[in-house]
Every structure is written in C-alpha cells, then in structure tokens.
N, C-alpha and C. Protein backbone atom coordinates (compact mmCIF):
# COMPACT_ATOMS: atom_id res chain seq x y z
N UNK A 1 -19.22 1.13 -7.82
CA UNK A 1 -18.30 1.93 -7.02
C UNK A 1 -18.89 3.34 -6.89
N UNK A 2 -18.92 3.90 -5.66
CA UNK A 2 -19.50 5.23 -5.48
C UNK A 2 -18.64 6.29 -6.17
N UNK A 3 -19.27 7.44 -6.51
CA UNK A 3 -18.50 8.50 -7.15
C UNK A 3 -17.39 9.00 -6.22
N UNK A 4 -16.32 9.43 -6.84
CA UNK A 4 -15.16 9.88 -6.08
C UNK A 4 -15.45 11.23 -5.42
N UNK A 5 -15.02 11.37 -4.16
CA UNK A 5 -15.15 12.64 -3.46
C UNK A 5 -13.90 13.46 -3.73
N UNK A 6 -14.10 14.67 -4.24
CA UNK A 6 -12.98 15.55 -4.56
C UNK A 6 -13.16 16.85 -3.77
N UNK A 7 -12.10 17.23 -3.10
CA UNK A 7 -12.10 18.51 -2.38
C UNK A 7 -11.07 19.41 -3.06
N UNK A 8 -11.53 20.58 -3.50
CA UNK A 8 -10.64 21.54 -4.15
C UNK A 8 -10.25 22.58 -3.10
N UNK A 9 -8.96 22.81 -2.98
CA UNK A 9 -8.45 23.82 -2.06
C UNK A 9 -7.67 24.85 -2.87
N UNK A 10 -8.06 26.09 -2.74
CA UNK A 10 -7.40 27.18 -3.45
C UNK A 10 -6.48 27.92 -2.49
N UNK A 11 -5.35 28.38 -3.01
CA UNK A 11 -4.39 29.08 -2.17
C UNK A 11 -3.90 30.33 -2.89
N UNK A 12 -3.86 31.45 -2.16
CA UNK A 12 -3.32 32.69 -2.73
C UNK A 12 -1.81 32.61 -2.85
N UNK A 13 -1.19 31.77 -2.07
CA UNK A 13 0.27 31.61 -2.14
C UNK A 13 0.70 30.76 -3.33
N UNK A 14 -0.19 29.93 -3.82
CA UNK A 14 0.10 29.06 -4.95
C UNK A 14 -0.12 29.87 -6.23
N UNK A 15 0.92 29.98 -7.06
CA UNK A 15 0.83 30.82 -8.26
C UNK A 15 0.58 30.01 -9.54
N UNK A 16 1.35 28.94 -9.73
CA UNK A 16 1.28 28.20 -10.98
C UNK A 16 1.03 26.72 -10.83
N UNK A 17 1.45 26.17 -9.73
CA UNK A 17 1.42 24.71 -9.61
C UNK A 17 0.06 24.19 -9.18
N UNK A 18 -0.23 23.01 -9.65
CA UNK A 18 -1.43 22.28 -9.27
C UNK A 18 -0.95 20.91 -8.79
N UNK A 19 -1.49 20.44 -7.68
CA UNK A 19 -1.13 19.12 -7.21
C UNK A 19 -2.36 18.44 -6.63
N UNK A 20 -2.24 17.14 -6.44
CA UNK A 20 -3.35 16.36 -5.89
C UNK A 20 -2.80 15.17 -5.13
N UNK A 21 -3.57 14.74 -4.15
CA UNK A 21 -3.20 13.55 -3.39
C UNK A 21 -4.46 12.92 -2.82
N UNK A 22 -4.33 11.65 -2.45
CA UNK A 22 -5.44 10.92 -1.85
C UNK A 22 -5.35 11.07 -0.33
N UNK A 23 -6.48 11.26 0.29
CA UNK A 23 -6.59 11.31 1.75
C UNK A 23 -7.75 10.39 2.12
N UNK A 24 -7.43 9.12 2.38
CA UNK A 24 -8.48 8.14 2.62
C UNK A 24 -9.26 7.91 1.34
N UNK A 25 -10.58 8.09 1.40
CA UNK A 25 -11.41 7.89 0.21
C UNK A 25 -11.73 9.21 -0.50
N UNK A 26 -10.97 10.25 -0.17
CA UNK A 26 -11.17 11.57 -0.75
C UNK A 26 -9.91 11.98 -1.51
N UNK A 27 -10.08 12.74 -2.57
CA UNK A 27 -8.95 13.30 -3.32
C UNK A 27 -8.92 14.79 -3.08
N UNK A 28 -7.76 15.30 -2.70
CA UNK A 28 -7.56 16.73 -2.46
C UNK A 28 -6.81 17.28 -3.66
N UNK A 29 -7.35 18.33 -4.29
CA UNK A 29 -6.69 19.00 -5.41
C UNK A 29 -6.36 20.41 -4.95
N UNK A 30 -5.08 20.77 -5.05
CA UNK A 30 -4.60 22.09 -4.62
C UNK A 30 -4.37 22.96 -5.85
N UNK A 31 -5.03 24.12 -5.88
CA UNK A 31 -5.00 25.01 -7.04
C UNK A 31 -4.63 26.43 -6.64
N UNK A 32 -4.10 27.22 -7.61
CA UNK A 32 -3.92 28.65 -7.35
C UNK A 32 -5.28 29.33 -7.19
N UNK A 33 -5.38 30.31 -6.33
CA UNK A 33 -6.66 30.98 -6.05
C UNK A 33 -7.23 31.67 -7.29
N UNK A 34 -6.38 32.18 -8.17
CA UNK A 34 -6.85 32.95 -9.31
C UNK A 34 -7.28 32.14 -10.52
N UNK A 35 -7.31 30.84 -10.42
CA UNK A 35 -7.67 29.99 -11.55
C UNK A 35 -9.17 30.09 -11.84
N UNK A 36 -9.55 30.16 -13.11
CA UNK A 36 -10.97 30.26 -13.48
C UNK A 36 -11.68 28.95 -13.18
N UNK A 37 -13.01 29.01 -13.14
CA UNK A 37 -13.82 27.83 -12.89
C UNK A 37 -13.63 26.80 -14.00
N UNK A 38 -13.52 27.25 -15.23
CA UNK A 38 -13.30 26.34 -16.36
C UNK A 38 -11.95 25.65 -16.23
N UNK A 39 -10.91 26.44 -15.91
CA UNK A 39 -9.58 25.86 -15.72
C UNK A 39 -9.57 24.89 -14.53
N UNK A 40 -10.30 25.25 -13.47
CA UNK A 40 -10.37 24.37 -12.30
C UNK A 40 -10.92 23.01 -12.70
N UNK A 41 -12.00 23.02 -13.46
CA UNK A 41 -12.62 21.77 -13.89
C UNK A 41 -11.64 20.91 -14.70
N UNK A 42 -10.94 21.56 -15.63
CA UNK A 42 -9.97 20.84 -16.45
C UNK A 42 -8.84 20.27 -15.60
N UNK A 43 -8.33 21.07 -14.67
CA UNK A 43 -7.23 20.61 -13.82
C UNK A 43 -7.66 19.47 -12.90
N UNK A 44 -8.87 19.55 -12.37
CA UNK A 44 -9.35 18.48 -11.50
C UNK A 44 -9.39 17.17 -12.28
N UNK A 45 -9.95 17.18 -13.49
CA UNK A 45 -9.99 15.97 -14.31
C UNK A 45 -8.59 15.47 -14.64
N UNK A 46 -7.71 16.38 -14.99
CA UNK A 46 -6.34 16.01 -15.34
C UNK A 46 -5.63 15.37 -14.15
N UNK A 47 -5.81 15.95 -12.97
CA UNK A 47 -5.13 15.43 -11.78
C UNK A 47 -5.72 14.08 -11.36
N UNK A 48 -7.03 13.90 -11.51
CA UNK A 48 -7.64 12.60 -11.19
C UNK A 48 -7.10 11.53 -12.14
N UNK A 49 -6.96 11.88 -13.42
CA UNK A 49 -6.39 10.94 -14.39
C UNK A 49 -4.95 10.58 -14.04
N UNK A 50 -4.16 11.59 -13.64
CA UNK A 50 -2.76 11.34 -13.27
C UNK A 50 -2.65 10.43 -12.06
N UNK A 51 -3.47 10.70 -11.04
CA UNK A 51 -3.44 9.86 -9.85
C UNK A 51 -3.84 8.42 -10.18
N UNK A 52 -4.88 8.27 -11.00
CA UNK A 52 -5.33 6.93 -11.38
C UNK A 52 -4.23 6.18 -12.14
N UNK A 53 -3.54 6.88 -13.05
CA UNK A 53 -2.45 6.25 -13.81
C UNK A 53 -1.31 5.85 -12.88
N UNK A 54 -0.98 6.72 -11.95
CA UNK A 54 0.09 6.43 -11.00
C UNK A 54 -0.26 5.22 -10.14
N UNK A 55 -1.50 5.16 -9.68
CA UNK A 55 -1.93 4.03 -8.86
C UNK A 55 -1.96 2.74 -9.67
N UNK A 56 -2.35 2.83 -10.93
CA UNK A 56 -2.38 1.64 -11.78
C UNK A 56 -0.98 1.06 -11.96
N UNK A 57 0.02 1.94 -12.08
CA UNK A 57 1.40 1.47 -12.22
C UNK A 57 1.85 0.72 -10.98
N UNK A 58 1.29 1.07 -9.84
CA UNK A 58 1.67 0.44 -8.58
C UNK A 58 0.96 -0.89 -8.34
N UNK A 59 -0.04 -1.20 -9.12
CA UNK A 59 -0.83 -2.41 -8.87
C UNK A 59 -0.12 -3.63 -9.42
N UNK A 60 0.26 -4.48 -8.52
CA UNK A 60 0.95 -5.71 -8.89
C UNK A 60 -0.07 -6.79 -9.23
N UNK A 61 0.22 -7.62 -10.22
CA UNK A 61 -0.59 -8.81 -10.48
C UNK A 61 -0.14 -9.88 -9.49
N UNK A 62 -0.89 -10.99 -9.43
CA UNK A 62 -0.48 -12.10 -8.56
C UNK A 62 0.90 -12.62 -8.95
N UNK A 63 1.18 -12.69 -10.26
CA UNK A 63 2.50 -13.13 -10.72
C UNK A 63 3.59 -12.15 -10.27
N UNK A 64 3.27 -10.84 -10.34
CA UNK A 64 4.23 -9.83 -9.87
C UNK A 64 4.50 -10.01 -8.38
N UNK A 65 3.44 -10.30 -7.62
CA UNK A 65 3.60 -10.49 -6.17
C UNK A 65 4.51 -11.68 -5.88
N UNK A 66 4.32 -12.77 -6.62
CA UNK A 66 5.17 -13.96 -6.40
C UNK A 66 6.62 -13.64 -6.75
N UNK A 67 6.84 -12.95 -7.87
CA UNK A 67 8.21 -12.55 -8.23
C UNK A 67 8.81 -11.67 -7.16
N UNK A 68 8.02 -10.72 -6.66
CA UNK A 68 8.51 -9.80 -5.63
C UNK A 68 8.86 -10.57 -4.36
N UNK A 69 8.01 -11.52 -3.99
CA UNK A 69 8.27 -12.31 -2.78
C UNK A 69 9.57 -13.10 -2.92
N UNK A 70 9.80 -13.66 -4.09
CA UNK A 70 11.04 -14.40 -4.31
C UNK A 70 12.25 -13.48 -4.20
N UNK A 71 12.14 -12.28 -4.76
CA UNK A 71 13.25 -11.30 -4.66
C UNK A 71 13.52 -10.92 -3.21
N UNK A 72 12.46 -10.66 -2.45
CA UNK A 72 12.62 -10.29 -1.05
C UNK A 72 13.23 -11.44 -0.25
N UNK A 73 12.82 -12.67 -0.55
CA UNK A 73 13.37 -13.83 0.15
C UNK A 73 14.87 -13.96 -0.11
N UNK A 74 15.27 -13.79 -1.36
CA UNK A 74 16.70 -13.88 -1.70
C UNK A 74 17.47 -12.75 -1.02
N UNK A 75 16.96 -11.55 -1.09
CA UNK A 75 17.67 -10.39 -0.56
C UNK A 75 17.79 -10.38 0.96
N UNK A 76 16.71 -10.74 1.66
CA UNK A 76 16.70 -10.58 3.11
C UNK A 76 16.66 -11.88 3.91
N UNK A 77 16.33 -12.99 3.25
CA UNK A 77 16.20 -14.25 3.99
C UNK A 77 17.06 -15.36 3.38
N UNK A 78 18.07 -14.98 2.62
CA UNK A 78 18.98 -15.93 1.99
C UNK A 78 18.25 -16.96 1.13
N UNK A 79 17.09 -16.57 0.61
CA UNK A 79 16.31 -17.44 -0.27
C UNK A 79 15.64 -18.61 0.44
N UNK A 80 15.62 -18.60 1.77
CA UNK A 80 15.08 -19.74 2.52
C UNK A 80 13.56 -19.81 2.51
N UNK A 81 12.88 -18.68 2.39
CA UNK A 81 11.41 -18.69 2.33
C UNK A 81 11.01 -18.83 0.86
N UNK A 82 10.31 -19.92 0.55
CA UNK A 82 9.97 -20.22 -0.84
C UNK A 82 8.44 -20.36 -0.96
N UNK A 83 7.77 -19.29 -1.30
CA UNK A 83 6.31 -19.38 -1.44
C UNK A 83 5.91 -20.06 -2.74
N UNK A 84 4.83 -20.84 -2.69
CA UNK A 84 4.28 -21.44 -3.92
C UNK A 84 3.39 -20.45 -4.64
N UNK A 85 2.68 -19.62 -3.85
CA UNK A 85 1.82 -18.61 -4.47
C UNK A 85 1.70 -17.41 -3.54
N UNK A 86 1.52 -16.26 -4.17
CA UNK A 86 1.21 -15.02 -3.46
C UNK A 86 0.11 -14.38 -4.28
N UNK A 87 -1.01 -14.08 -3.63
CA UNK A 87 -2.12 -13.53 -4.40
C UNK A 87 -2.94 -12.52 -3.59
N UNK A 88 -3.64 -11.68 -4.32
CA UNK A 88 -4.55 -10.71 -3.72
C UNK A 88 -5.84 -11.43 -3.35
N UNK A 89 -6.44 -11.04 -2.24
CA UNK A 89 -7.76 -11.55 -1.85
C UNK A 89 -8.63 -10.39 -1.38
N UNK A 90 -9.91 -10.53 -1.59
CA UNK A 90 -10.86 -9.48 -1.21
C UNK A 90 -11.53 -9.73 0.14
N UNK A 91 -11.28 -10.89 0.74
CA UNK A 91 -12.02 -11.25 1.95
C UNK A 91 -11.26 -10.96 3.25
N UNK A 92 -10.17 -10.24 3.19
CA UNK A 92 -9.42 -9.91 4.41
C UNK A 92 -9.68 -8.45 4.77
N UNK A 93 -10.58 -8.24 5.71
CA UNK A 93 -10.94 -6.88 6.10
C UNK A 93 -10.27 -6.46 7.41
N UNK A 94 -9.67 -7.41 8.12
CA UNK A 94 -9.06 -7.08 9.41
C UNK A 94 -7.60 -7.47 9.50
N UNK A 95 -7.05 -7.97 8.41
CA UNK A 95 -5.63 -8.32 8.34
C UNK A 95 -5.08 -7.79 7.03
N UNK A 96 -3.81 -7.48 7.04
CA UNK A 96 -3.15 -7.02 5.80
C UNK A 96 -2.67 -8.20 4.97
N UNK A 97 -2.38 -9.30 5.64
CA UNK A 97 -1.91 -10.48 4.92
C UNK A 97 -2.07 -11.71 5.78
N UNK A 98 -1.94 -12.87 5.14
CA UNK A 98 -1.97 -14.12 5.88
C UNK A 98 -1.13 -15.15 5.14
N UNK A 99 -0.77 -16.18 5.86
CA UNK A 99 0.14 -17.18 5.31
C UNK A 99 -0.29 -18.56 5.81
N UNK A 100 -0.21 -19.54 4.93
CA UNK A 100 -0.43 -20.93 5.30
C UNK A 100 0.90 -21.66 5.06
N UNK A 101 1.72 -21.79 6.10
CA UNK A 101 3.05 -22.40 5.93
C UNK A 101 3.00 -23.81 5.35
N UNK A 102 2.00 -24.61 5.72
CA UNK A 102 1.92 -25.99 5.21
C UNK A 102 1.81 -26.04 3.69
N UNK A 103 1.16 -25.02 3.10
CA UNK A 103 1.00 -24.98 1.64
C UNK A 103 1.91 -23.95 0.99
N UNK A 104 2.65 -23.21 1.81
CA UNK A 104 3.56 -22.15 1.33
C UNK A 104 2.80 -21.11 0.49
N UNK A 105 1.60 -20.76 0.97
CA UNK A 105 0.80 -19.76 0.26
C UNK A 105 0.67 -18.50 1.09
N UNK A 106 0.68 -17.38 0.39
CA UNK A 106 0.54 -16.07 1.02
C UNK A 106 -0.61 -15.35 0.34
N UNK A 107 -1.44 -14.72 1.16
CA UNK A 107 -2.54 -13.92 0.65
C UNK A 107 -2.42 -12.50 1.19
N UNK A 108 -2.61 -11.53 0.31
CA UNK A 108 -2.54 -10.12 0.70
C UNK A 108 -3.90 -9.48 0.52
N UNK A 109 -4.29 -8.69 1.48
CA UNK A 109 -5.56 -7.98 1.38
C UNK A 109 -5.53 -7.02 0.19
N UNK A 110 -6.59 -7.03 -0.58
CA UNK A 110 -6.71 -6.12 -1.73
C UNK A 110 -6.70 -4.66 -1.28
N UNK A 111 -6.92 -4.41 0.01
CA UNK A 111 -6.86 -3.04 0.52
C UNK A 111 -5.45 -2.44 0.42
N UNK A 112 -4.45 -3.30 0.22
CA UNK A 112 -3.07 -2.82 0.06
C UNK A 112 -2.81 -2.24 -1.33
N UNK A 113 -3.67 -2.56 -2.28
CA UNK A 113 -3.47 -2.07 -3.65
C UNK A 113 -3.46 -0.55 -3.64
N UNK A 114 -2.51 0.00 -4.36
CA UNK A 114 -2.39 1.46 -4.42
C UNK A 114 -1.54 2.05 -3.30
N UNK A 115 -1.18 1.24 -2.30
CA UNK A 115 -0.29 1.73 -1.25
C UNK A 115 1.13 1.72 -1.79
N UNK A 116 2.02 2.47 -1.15
CA UNK A 116 3.41 2.48 -1.63
C UNK A 116 4.00 1.07 -1.70
N UNK A 117 4.86 0.85 -2.68
CA UNK A 117 5.45 -0.48 -2.90
C UNK A 117 6.19 -0.97 -1.67
N UNK A 118 6.86 -0.09 -0.93
CA UNK A 118 7.61 -0.53 0.25
C UNK A 118 6.68 -1.02 1.36
N UNK A 119 5.44 -0.56 1.38
CA UNK A 119 4.47 -1.05 2.36
C UNK A 119 4.02 -2.46 1.95
N UNK A 120 3.71 -2.65 0.67
CA UNK A 120 3.34 -3.98 0.17
C UNK A 120 4.50 -4.95 0.40
N UNK A 121 5.72 -4.49 0.12
CA UNK A 121 6.91 -5.33 0.34
C UNK A 121 7.02 -5.75 1.81
N UNK A 122 6.73 -4.83 2.71
CA UNK A 122 6.81 -5.16 4.14
C UNK A 122 5.82 -6.27 4.49
N UNK A 123 4.59 -6.18 4.00
CA UNK A 123 3.59 -7.20 4.31
C UNK A 123 4.02 -8.54 3.70
N UNK A 124 4.54 -8.51 2.49
CA UNK A 124 5.06 -9.74 1.88
C UNK A 124 6.18 -10.31 2.75
N UNK A 125 7.10 -9.46 3.18
CA UNK A 125 8.22 -9.90 4.02
C UNK A 125 7.70 -10.53 5.31
N UNK A 126 6.74 -9.88 5.96
CA UNK A 126 6.16 -10.40 7.19
C UNK A 126 5.63 -11.82 6.96
N UNK A 127 4.90 -12.00 5.87
CA UNK A 127 4.32 -13.31 5.58
C UNK A 127 5.39 -14.32 5.16
N UNK A 128 6.41 -13.88 4.45
CA UNK A 128 7.53 -14.77 4.10
C UNK A 128 8.19 -15.33 5.35
N UNK A 129 8.39 -14.48 6.33
CA UNK A 129 9.02 -14.93 7.57
C UNK A 129 8.16 -16.00 8.25
N UNK A 130 6.83 -15.89 8.10
CA UNK A 130 5.96 -16.93 8.67
C UNK A 130 6.19 -18.29 8.02
N UNK A 131 6.72 -18.33 6.81
CA UNK A 131 7.07 -19.61 6.19
C UNK A 131 8.21 -20.28 6.95
N UNK A 132 9.01 -19.46 7.64
CA UNK A 132 10.16 -19.96 8.40
C UNK A 132 9.88 -20.07 9.89
N UNK A 133 9.11 -19.12 10.42
CA UNK A 133 8.82 -19.05 11.86
C UNK A 133 7.33 -18.77 12.02
N UNK A 134 6.55 -19.74 12.50
CA UNK A 134 5.10 -19.55 12.53
C UNK A 134 4.60 -18.53 13.57
N UNK A 135 5.32 -18.35 14.66
CA UNK A 135 4.84 -17.45 15.73
C UNK A 135 5.45 -16.05 15.58
N UNK A 136 5.01 -15.15 16.45
CA UNK A 136 5.53 -13.77 16.44
C UNK A 136 6.54 -13.57 17.58
N UNK A 137 7.42 -14.50 17.78
CA UNK A 137 8.43 -14.40 18.83
C UNK A 137 9.63 -13.58 18.39
N UNK A 138 10.66 -13.51 19.26
CA UNK A 138 11.84 -12.71 18.97
C UNK A 138 12.56 -13.11 17.67
N UNK A 139 12.64 -14.41 17.39
CA UNK A 139 13.30 -14.85 16.15
C UNK A 139 12.54 -14.34 14.93
N UNK A 140 11.21 -14.40 15.00
CA UNK A 140 10.37 -13.91 13.91
C UNK A 140 10.67 -12.43 13.64
N UNK A 141 10.60 -11.61 14.70
CA UNK A 141 10.77 -10.16 14.52
C UNK A 141 12.20 -9.81 14.09
N UNK A 142 13.16 -10.58 14.52
CA UNK A 142 14.55 -10.33 14.08
C UNK A 142 14.66 -10.52 12.57
N UNK A 143 13.99 -11.52 12.03
CA UNK A 143 14.02 -11.74 10.58
C UNK A 143 13.24 -10.66 9.84
N UNK A 144 12.08 -10.26 10.36
CA UNK A 144 11.29 -9.20 9.73
C UNK A 144 12.10 -7.91 9.68
N UNK A 145 12.83 -7.62 10.73
CA UNK A 145 13.60 -6.38 10.82
C UNK A 145 14.74 -6.31 9.81
N UNK A 146 15.03 -7.39 9.11
CA UNK A 146 16.03 -7.33 8.04
C UNK A 146 15.54 -6.45 6.90
N UNK A 147 14.22 -6.30 6.79
CA UNK A 147 13.65 -5.41 5.77
C UNK A 147 13.88 -3.99 6.25
N UNK A 148 14.62 -3.16 5.49
CA UNK A 148 15.05 -1.85 5.97
C UNK A 148 13.92 -0.88 6.36
N UNK A 149 12.77 -1.00 5.74
CA UNK A 149 11.68 -0.06 6.03
C UNK A 149 10.58 -0.71 6.88
N UNK A 150 10.94 -1.75 7.64
CA UNK A 150 9.93 -2.48 8.43
C UNK A 150 9.22 -1.56 9.42
N UNK A 151 9.97 -0.83 10.20
CA UNK A 151 9.36 0.02 11.21
C UNK A 151 8.52 1.12 10.57
N UNK A 152 9.03 1.70 9.52
CA UNK A 152 8.30 2.76 8.82
C UNK A 152 7.00 2.20 8.23
N UNK A 153 7.05 1.03 7.62
CA UNK A 153 5.85 0.42 7.03
C UNK A 153 4.82 0.08 8.11
N UNK A 154 5.27 -0.45 9.25
CA UNK A 154 4.34 -0.73 10.35
C UNK A 154 3.64 0.54 10.79
N UNK A 155 4.41 1.63 10.91
CA UNK A 155 3.82 2.91 11.29
C UNK A 155 2.81 3.40 10.26
N UNK A 156 3.14 3.24 8.99
CA UNK A 156 2.24 3.63 7.90
C UNK A 156 0.92 2.87 8.02
N UNK A 157 1.01 1.54 8.17
CA UNK A 157 -0.20 0.72 8.25
C UNK A 157 -1.00 1.01 9.52
N UNK A 158 -0.31 1.24 10.63
CA UNK A 158 -1.02 1.57 11.87
C UNK A 158 -1.75 2.91 11.73
N UNK A 159 -1.08 3.89 11.13
CA UNK A 159 -1.71 5.19 10.91
C UNK A 159 -2.90 5.08 9.98
N UNK A 160 -2.74 4.31 8.92
CA UNK A 160 -3.83 4.11 7.96
C UNK A 160 -5.02 3.46 8.66
N UNK A 161 -4.76 2.42 9.45
CA UNK A 161 -5.84 1.71 10.15
C UNK A 161 -6.52 2.61 11.17
N UNK A 162 -5.75 3.36 11.89
CA UNK A 162 -6.32 4.26 12.89
C UNK A 162 -7.22 5.30 12.23
N UNK A 163 -6.77 5.86 11.12
CA UNK A 163 -7.57 6.87 10.42
C UNK A 163 -8.85 6.27 9.86
N UNK A 164 -8.77 5.03 9.37
CA UNK A 164 -9.93 4.40 8.74
C UNK A 164 -10.88 3.77 9.76
N UNK A 165 -10.33 3.13 10.80
CA UNK A 165 -11.16 2.32 11.70
C UNK A 165 -11.11 2.73 13.17
N UNK A 166 -10.14 3.54 13.52
CA UNK A 166 -9.99 3.89 14.92
C UNK A 166 -9.21 2.86 15.71
N UNK A 167 -8.68 1.81 15.03
CA UNK A 167 -7.86 0.81 15.71
C UNK A 167 -6.89 0.18 14.72
N UNK A 168 -5.71 -0.23 15.21
CA UNK A 168 -4.72 -0.85 14.31
C UNK A 168 -5.15 -2.25 13.88
N UNK A 169 -4.58 -2.70 12.76
CA UNK A 169 -4.86 -4.05 12.24
C UNK A 169 -3.59 -4.85 12.25
N UNK A 170 -3.73 -6.16 12.00
CA UNK A 170 -2.59 -7.07 12.02
C UNK A 170 -2.20 -7.52 10.63
N UNK A 171 -0.99 -8.04 10.51
CA UNK A 171 -0.56 -8.71 9.27
C UNK A 171 -1.06 -10.12 9.32
C-alpha cells in the first residue's frame, strides 16, 4: 500500500482545535497557525490514528453484512428478501454491488469499506430489492425508495464516483 498523503492546513482563526478528514486518497489535517512543528507532527500522527480507528469501527465483516441485510429486509421489505450470503469482493471496480437472485447472493465492492454505514446500507438495500425484482423498473425503484436515505446515498455515491473517475457508477 502506498504511503498516505497528508495535507496540513494551518489557520489563524483556529485557536485550539485540531481536526482531520479524508478527501479521496488524501487526509487533510486542520491545525491552529501557532502550533509548533513538534506539536504539528504529534497531532498529525494522533489524528491519523483516530481516523484509522474510526474507519475500522465502520468495517463490517461478511457476517455483519448478512445480519445487516436481514435487518434491512425485515424493516423495509417485510422480510421478503432473504439473502443466503452477503460478502465483500475486490473484483468490482465499476459497480458498488451485485446480486445473483438464483443463488440469493449479494456481493459488495470493497471500495465501500470505510464509507458511511447509511451508504453501505443503501447498496445492500438496492441488491436486496433485486432478490424480489430483477430489473430497474418502477416497482424496483418504489421498493428501493422505502430506504429513507436512498436519494442521499445515491447522491453520495455519484459524487464520490465523479470525483474519483469523472463518471458515475452503478449498483
């Protein structure tokens, strides 16, 4: 894995707080302008550790994904979509997820790891609906829209894809 790119931004308006966030494959660390170089180094390491810990908490195992899919099915699809397996895969570079209705299997792109849980939930929901409706017709979208953050998650994924590739991707 290549070394992490870190951009430090200092602000005269920032007095005490330090924060950090991911922007694509770069980490932005926001610091007060008056912080010493030694303190900057310590804060950068501390913030990278915090972000890594936060992202690790968000990483679902395959078993967690299956449990989550079952919960989403019960909550939004009256338990009618019953997946046999839901798992992460590394070979999906142009789709966020895929489904094989005949085997009731769902695969999620590993690129979703570390994204907000509601975005992962949306992709799971999209694939769950494919267990009930194979096409992307009006009935399909009506069921997907039962997920309260469906539109927001689609926008998030489209924005992410546009920033990374210059074009949107599919579920």
